[in-house]
Structures are given as structure tokens and as C-alpha cells.
């Protein structure tokens, strides 16, 4: 029974977190024009 209560509590906390982040909306600001470094540097 305790496992069921713990699972329900975890699910409720996760849903509250998701709804809170969704309510806040997307953060303001732009993305960087520089591309990310995707290549591996040469080995010495």
C-alpha cells in the first residue's frame, strides 16, 4: 500500500511540475547565431 501511495505522490508532483513549467511559457530571449561545436578535436 505504501508503494501505491508513493507512486501516486510522485505522479502528482511530476504533473504539478509540468503544469508549472507550461504555465510559465517559453523563456524570453533569442538563440545564439553561433553553431554548436559538433566535431571532435584532433588527437595529439
Protein backbone atom coordinates (compact mmCIF):
# COMPACT_ATOMS: atom_id res chain seq x y z
CA UNK A 1 0.00 0.00 0.00
CA UNK A 2 2.86 2.39 0.77
CA UNK A 3 4.28 1.81 -2.72
CA UNK A 4 0.96 2.81 -4.27
CA UNK A 5 0.84 5.99 -2.19
CA UNK A 6 4.43 6.81 -3.10
CA UNK A 7 3.72 6.27 -6.80
CA UNK A 8 0.62 8.48 -6.67
CA UNK A 9 2.53 11.19 -4.82
CA UNK A 10 5.37 11.08 -7.35
CA UNK A 11 2.93 11.29 -10.25
CA UNK A 12 1.16 14.25 -8.65
CA UNK A 13 4.45 16.09 -8.09
CA UNK A 14 5.52 15.42 -11.68
CA UNK A 15 2.23 16.72 -13.05
CA UNK A 16 2.42 19.87 -10.91
CA UNK A 17 5.97 20.45 -12.17
CA UNK A 18 4.91 20.03 -15.81
CA UNK A 19 1.91 22.34 -15.41
CA UNK A 20 4.02 24.96 -13.63
CA UNK A 21 6.64 24.97 -16.39
CA UNK A 22 3.92 25.07 -19.05
CA UNK A 23 2.18 27.99 -17.33
CA UNK A 24 5.42 29.98 -17.23
CA UNK A 25 5.69 29.70 -21.02
CA UNK A 26 8.75 29.84 -23.18
CA UNK A 27 11.62 31.92 -21.84
CA UNK A 28 12.21 35.27 -23.45
CA UNK A 29 15.38 35.81 -25.40
CA UNK A 30 16.89 34.59 -28.61
CA UNK A 31 19.09 31.75 -29.60
CA UNK A 32 22.76 32.14 -30.33
CA UNK A 33 23.65 32.62 -34.00
CA UNK A 34 26.84 30.62 -33.49
CA UNK A 35 26.52 26.91 -34.26
CA UNK A 36 27.40 24.37 -31.62
CA UNK A 37 30.75 22.67 -31.83
CA UNK A 38 29.96 19.18 -33.12
CA UNK A 39 33.35 17.97 -34.30
CA UNK A 40 35.86 16.16 -32.13
CA UNK A 41 39.23 17.91 -31.88
CA UNK A 42 42.20 16.12 -33.39
CA UNK A 43 44.15 13.87 -31.09
CA UNK A 44 47.72 14.93 -30.35
